[in-house]
């Protein structure tokens, strides 16, 4: 942790302020250590991300499987997909989410975000004293915000990455059961990888958005209020 000292009065020797600059490497280390200390709560947040993102990944890869079968089999395959419950446009050769799937995906992601906000607010409440001590030692608001965002990013990468991979696996297994070897032979693998990446990015974004309000609340706290807070 490096310290930068500067004279706010233009060199008169009065009004000296001290700002502590925390390197990124140290910030990552502190955030990781904080997650380890609060492992159980962190795993709850990660598990909610896994569930929401795995469903999103399942739906997206499932659409890629159906699109590959439709492209390989033409209108005959399109009728099979329609019978299987897919929303297929035979004229354009496109497969889309049904309205029901869209609403389920939106609701699952919304519930996941609310859960993340709630967990992070509880985390901030538990760490009032810690935040107060950090600010008394010279920590800047941006430093506090950075630590919370790094924690959320770590949780988001773990939960979203694991959920996206899990959803992709289950989607491929479901396609294999329903359509046999066609599910693998006709699958556009680059599109499937893109869907997995999109689901991971969506989960990471939700994790960062979910922590944003609690992080801003923590960063704006006055040190004396944080130290006096009862929790």
Protein backbone atom coordinates (compact mmCIF):
# COMPACT_ATOMS: atom_id res chain seq x y z
CA UNK A 1 0.00 0.00 0.00
CA UNK A 2 1.64 3.21 -1.11
CA UNK A 3 0.97 6.64 0.35
CA UNK A 4 0.79 9.90 -1.51
CA UNK A 5 1.18 13.03 0.59
CA UNK A 6 0.40 16.45 -0.84
CA UNK A 7 -0.03 19.98 0.50
CA UNK A 8 -3.56 21.21 -0.13
CA UNK A 9 -2.67 24.81 0.76
CA UNK A 10 -0.15 25.26 -2.07
CA UNK A 11 3.03 24.70 -0.06
CA UNK A 12 2.29 26.80 3.05
CA UNK A 13 2.71 23.76 5.29
CA UNK A 14 -0.94 23.73 6.40
CA UNK A 15 -3.91 21.65 5.28
CA UNK A 16 -1.86 18.56 4.49
CA UNK A 17 -4.02 15.67 3.29
CA UNK A 18 -3.00 12.08 2.97
CA UNK A 19 -4.41 9.69 0.41
CA UNK A 20 -3.63 6.00 0.35
CA UNK A 21 -3.22 4.43 -3.07
CA UNK A 22 -3.90 0.68 -3.08
CA UNK A 23 -2.32 -1.31 -5.93
CA UNK A 24 -4.61 -3.50 -8.01
CA UNK A 25 -2.75 -6.64 -6.98
CA UNK A 26 -3.28 -5.87 -3.30
CA UNK A 27 -6.94 -5.03 -3.97
CA UNK A 28 -7.46 -8.45 -5.56
CA UNK A 29 -5.73 -10.13 -2.63
CA UNK A 30 -7.89 -8.31 -0.06
CA UNK A 31 -11.10 -9.09 -2.00
CA UNK A 32 -10.20 -12.76 -2.31
CA UNK A 33 -9.40 -12.96 1.40
CA UNK A 34 -12.74 -11.33 2.23
CA UNK A 35 -14.58 -13.91 0.12
CA UNK A 36 -12.78 -16.73 1.92
CA UNK A 37 -13.74 -15.31 5.31
CA UNK A 38 -17.39 -15.09 4.22
CA UNK A 39 -17.30 -18.33 2.23
CA UNK A 40 -20.81 -19.54 3.10
CA UNK A 41 -22.50 -16.28 2.08
CA UNK A 42 -20.34 -16.06 -1.02
CA UNK A 43 -21.38 -19.58 -2.04
CA UNK A 44 -25.05 -18.63 -1.67
CA UNK A 45 -24.54 -15.74 -4.10
CA UNK A 46 -22.57 -17.96 -6.48
CA UNK A 47 -25.21 -20.70 -6.38
CA UNK A 48 -27.98 -18.26 -7.29
CA UNK A 49 -25.89 -17.15 -10.27
CA UNK A 50 -25.25 -20.76 -11.28
CA UNK A 51 -28.97 -21.55 -11.33
CA UNK A 52 -30.00 -18.45 -13.29
CA UNK A 53 -27.16 -18.53 -15.82
CA UNK A 54 -27.39 -22.30 -16.34
CA UNK A 55 -31.02 -21.92 -17.38
CA UNK A 56 -30.13 -19.06 -19.74
CA UNK A 57 -27.27 -21.09 -21.23
CA UNK A 58 -29.55 -24.13 -21.56
CA UNK A 59 -32.12 -22.13 -23.54
CA UNK A 60 -29.55 -20.45 -25.80
CA UNK A 61 -27.63 -23.63 -26.64
CA UNK A 62 -30.92 -25.45 -27.10
CA UNK A 63 -31.84 -22.89 -29.75
CA UNK A 64 -28.45 -23.43 -31.43
CA UNK A 65 -29.12 -27.18 -31.53
CA UNK A 66 -32.56 -26.61 -33.06
CA UNK A 67 -31.17 -24.10 -35.58
CA UNK A 68 -28.51 -26.59 -36.68
CA UNK A 69 -31.09 -29.36 -37.14
CA UNK A 70 -33.38 -27.01 -39.08
CA UNK A 71 -30.54 -25.93 -41.37
CA UNK A 72 -29.51 -29.52 -42.03
CA UNK A 73 -33.00 -31.00 -42.41
CA UNK A 74 -35.00 -28.21 -44.03
CA UNK A 75 -38.78 -28.00 -43.73
CA UNK A 76 -39.12 -31.63 -42.70
CA UNK A 77 -36.92 -30.95 -39.69
CA UNK A 78 -38.85 -27.72 -39.08
CA UNK A 79 -42.09 -29.66 -38.69
CA UNK A 80 -40.41 -31.99 -36.21
CA UNK A 81 -39.17 -29.02 -34.23
CA UNK A 82 -42.62 -27.43 -34.26
CA UNK A 83 -44.08 -30.66 -32.92
CA UNK A 84 -41.39 -30.65 -30.22
CA UNK A 85 -42.55 -27.21 -29.04
CA UNK A 86 -40.00 -24.92 -30.68
CA UNK A 87 -40.99 -21.54 -32.14
CA UNK A 88 -39.92 -22.08 -35.76
CA UNK A 89 -40.37 -19.78 -38.74
CA UNK A 90 -40.31 -22.14 -41.72
CA UNK A 91 -40.14 -19.31 -44.26
CA UNK A 92 -37.03 -17.68 -42.85
CA UNK A 93 -35.58 -20.84 -41.31
CA UNK A 94 -35.16 -19.29 -37.88
CA UNK A 95 -35.73 -20.73 -34.41
CA UNK A 96 -36.59 -18.38 -31.55
CA UNK A 97 -37.47 -18.53 -27.88
CA UNK A 98 -41.11 -19.01 -27.09
CA UNK A 99 -42.82 -16.27 -25.09
CA UNK A 100 -42.97 -18.59 -22.09
CA UNK A 101 -39.23 -19.25 -22.21
CA UNK A 102 -38.48 -15.54 -22.48
CA UNK A 103 -40.54 -14.72 -19.40
CA UNK A 104 -39.00 -17.56 -17.40
CA UNK A 105 -35.48 -16.41 -18.32
CA UNK A 106 -36.27 -12.78 -17.43
CA UNK A 107 -37.86 -13.74 -14.11
CA UNK A 108 -35.00 -16.07 -13.14
CA UNK A 109 -32.42 -13.36 -13.87
CA UNK A 110 -34.48 -10.78 -11.97
CA UNK A 111 -34.78 -13.04 -8.92
CA UNK A 112 -31.05 -13.70 -9.11
CA UNK A 113 -30.27 -9.96 -9.16
CA UNK A 114 -32.53 -9.29 -6.17
CA UNK A 115 -30.79 -12.10 -4.28
CA UNK A 116 -27.38 -10.63 -5.05
CA UNK A 117 -28.44 -7.16 -3.88
CA UNK A 118 -29.82 -8.60 -0.65
CA UNK A 119 -26.68 -10.66 0.05
CA UNK A 120 -24.40 -7.69 -0.67
CA UNK A 121 -26.43 -5.36 1.55
CA UNK A 122 -26.05 -7.84 4.40
CA UNK A 123 -22.33 -8.03 3.67
CA UNK A 124 -22.04 -4.24 3.87
CA UNK A 125 -23.95 -4.21 7.17
CA UNK A 126 -21.59 -6.80 8.64
CA UNK A 127 -18.55 -4.77 7.56
CA UNK A 128 -19.50 -1.34 8.90
CA UNK A 129 -16.65 -1.36 11.40
CA UNK A 130 -14.18 -2.61 8.81
CA UNK A 131 -15.20 0.14 6.38
CA UNK A 132 -14.94 2.75 9.14
CA UNK A 133 -11.44 1.64 10.08
CA UNK A 134 -10.33 1.67 6.43
CA UNK A 135 -11.60 5.22 6.00
CA UNK A 136 -9.99 6.38 9.23
CA UNK A 137 -6.69 5.04 7.91
CA UNK A 138 -7.06 7.13 4.77
CA UNK A 139 -8.88 4.84 2.33
CA UNK A 140 -10.54 6.74 -0.51
CA UNK A 141 -14.15 6.19 -1.54
CA UNK A 142 -12.95 4.78 -4.86
CA UNK A 143 -10.86 2.18 -3.01
CA UNK A 144 -13.88 0.91 -1.05
CA UNK A 145 -15.93 0.78 -4.26
CA UNK A 146 -13.13 -1.09 -6.04
CA UNK A 147 -12.96 -3.80 -3.34
CA UNK A 148 -16.69 -4.51 -3.52
CA UNK A 149 -16.67 -4.57 -7.32
CA UNK A 150 -13.72 -6.97 -7.36
CA UNK A 151 -15.51 -9.31 -4.97
CA UNK A 152 -18.61 -9.21 -7.18
CA UNK A 153 -16.50 -9.83 -10.30
CA UNK A 154 -14.89 -12.91 -8.72
CA UNK A 155 -18.26 -14.28 -7.67
CA UNK A 156 -19.73 -13.44 -11.07
CA UNK A 157 -16.98 -15.18 -13.03
CA UNK A 158 -17.18 -18.30 -10.88
CA UNK A 159 -20.96 -18.54 -10.78
CA UNK A 160 -21.65 -17.42 -14.35
CA UNK A 161 -18.87 -19.53 -15.86
CA UNK A 162 -19.92 -22.64 -13.98
CA UNK A 163 -23.60 -22.07 -14.71
CA UNK A 164 -23.01 -21.47 -18.42
CA UNK A 165 -20.95 -24.66 -18.74
CA UNK A 166 -23.53 -26.66 -16.78
CA UNK A 167 -26.42 -25.35 -18.88
CA UNK A 168 -24.56 -26.16 -22.10
CA UNK A 169 -23.91 -29.74 -20.99
CA UNK A 170 -27.55 -30.34 -20.03
CA UNK A 171 -28.72 -28.76 -23.28
CA UNK A 172 -26.52 -31.08 -25.34
CA UNK A 173 -27.71 -34.09 -23.36
CA UNK A 174 -31.34 -33.06 -23.85
CA UNK A 175 -30.75 -32.63 -27.59
CA UNK A 176 -29.09 -36.04 -27.78
CA UNK A 177 -32.05 -37.66 -26.04
CA UNK A 178 -34.66 -35.91 -28.21
CA UNK A 179 -32.97 -35.91 -31.63
CA UNK A 180 -30.20 -38.49 -31.38
CA UNK A 181 -26.87 -37.94 -33.12
CA UNK A 182 -28.32 -35.12 -35.24
CA UNK A 183 -28.04 -32.83 -32.22
CA UNK A 184 -24.23 -33.11 -32.37
CA UNK A 185 -23.71 -33.53 -36.09
CA UNK A 186 -25.71 -30.45 -37.09
CA UNK A 187 -24.75 -28.25 -34.14
CA UNK A 188 -22.91 -25.02 -35.09
CA UNK A 189 -20.24 -25.24 -32.39
CA UNK A 190 -19.08 -21.65 -32.77
CA UNK A 191 -22.62 -20.44 -32.18
CA UNK A 192 -22.89 -22.69 -29.13
CA UNK A 193 -19.63 -21.31 -27.73
CA UNK A 194 -20.93 -17.81 -28.39
CA UNK A 195 -24.11 -18.64 -26.45
CA UNK A 196 -22.06 -19.93 -23.52
CA UNK A 197 -19.96 -16.74 -23.60
CA UNK A 198 -23.10 -14.59 -23.78
CA UNK A 199 -24.62 -16.37 -20.78
CA UNK A 200 -21.35 -15.92 -18.83
CA UNK A 201 -21.24 -12.23 -19.69
CA UNK A 202 -24.87 -11.81 -18.64
CA UNK A 203 -24.18 -13.44 -15.27
CA UNK A 204 -21.08 -11.30 -14.69
CA UNK A 205 -23.06 -8.16 -15.57
CA UNK A 206 -25.84 -9.13 -13.15
CA UNK A 207 -23.30 -9.69 -10.38
CA UNK A 208 -21.74 -6.24 -10.92
CA UNK A 209 -25.13 -4.52 -11.17
CA UNK A 210 -26.32 -6.30 -8.03
CA UNK A 211 -23.38 -5.04 -5.96
CA UNK A 212 -23.41 -1.49 -7.34
CA UNK A 213 -25.95 0.00 -4.91
CA UNK A 214 -24.49 -1.66 -1.76
CA UNK A 215 -20.97 -0.65 -2.88
CA UNK A 216 -22.00 2.99 -3.37
CA UNK A 217 -23.71 2.92 0.02
CA UNK A 218 -20.51 1.62 1.63
CA UNK A 219 -18.27 4.10 -0.13
CA UNK A 220 -20.36 7.10 0.94
CA UNK A 221 -20.42 6.19 4.62
CA UNK A 222 -18.77 8.60 7.00
CA UNK A 223 -16.11 6.89 9.13
CA UNK A 224 -17.64 7.96 12.43
CA UNK A 225 -21.07 6.62 11.42
CA UNK A 226 -19.58 3.34 10.27
CA UNK A 227 -17.70 2.84 13.53
CA UNK A 228 -20.76 3.67 15.66
CA UNK A 229 -23.15 1.49 13.69
CA UNK A 230 -24.68 -1.46 15.52
CA UNK A 231 -25.31 -4.65 13.58
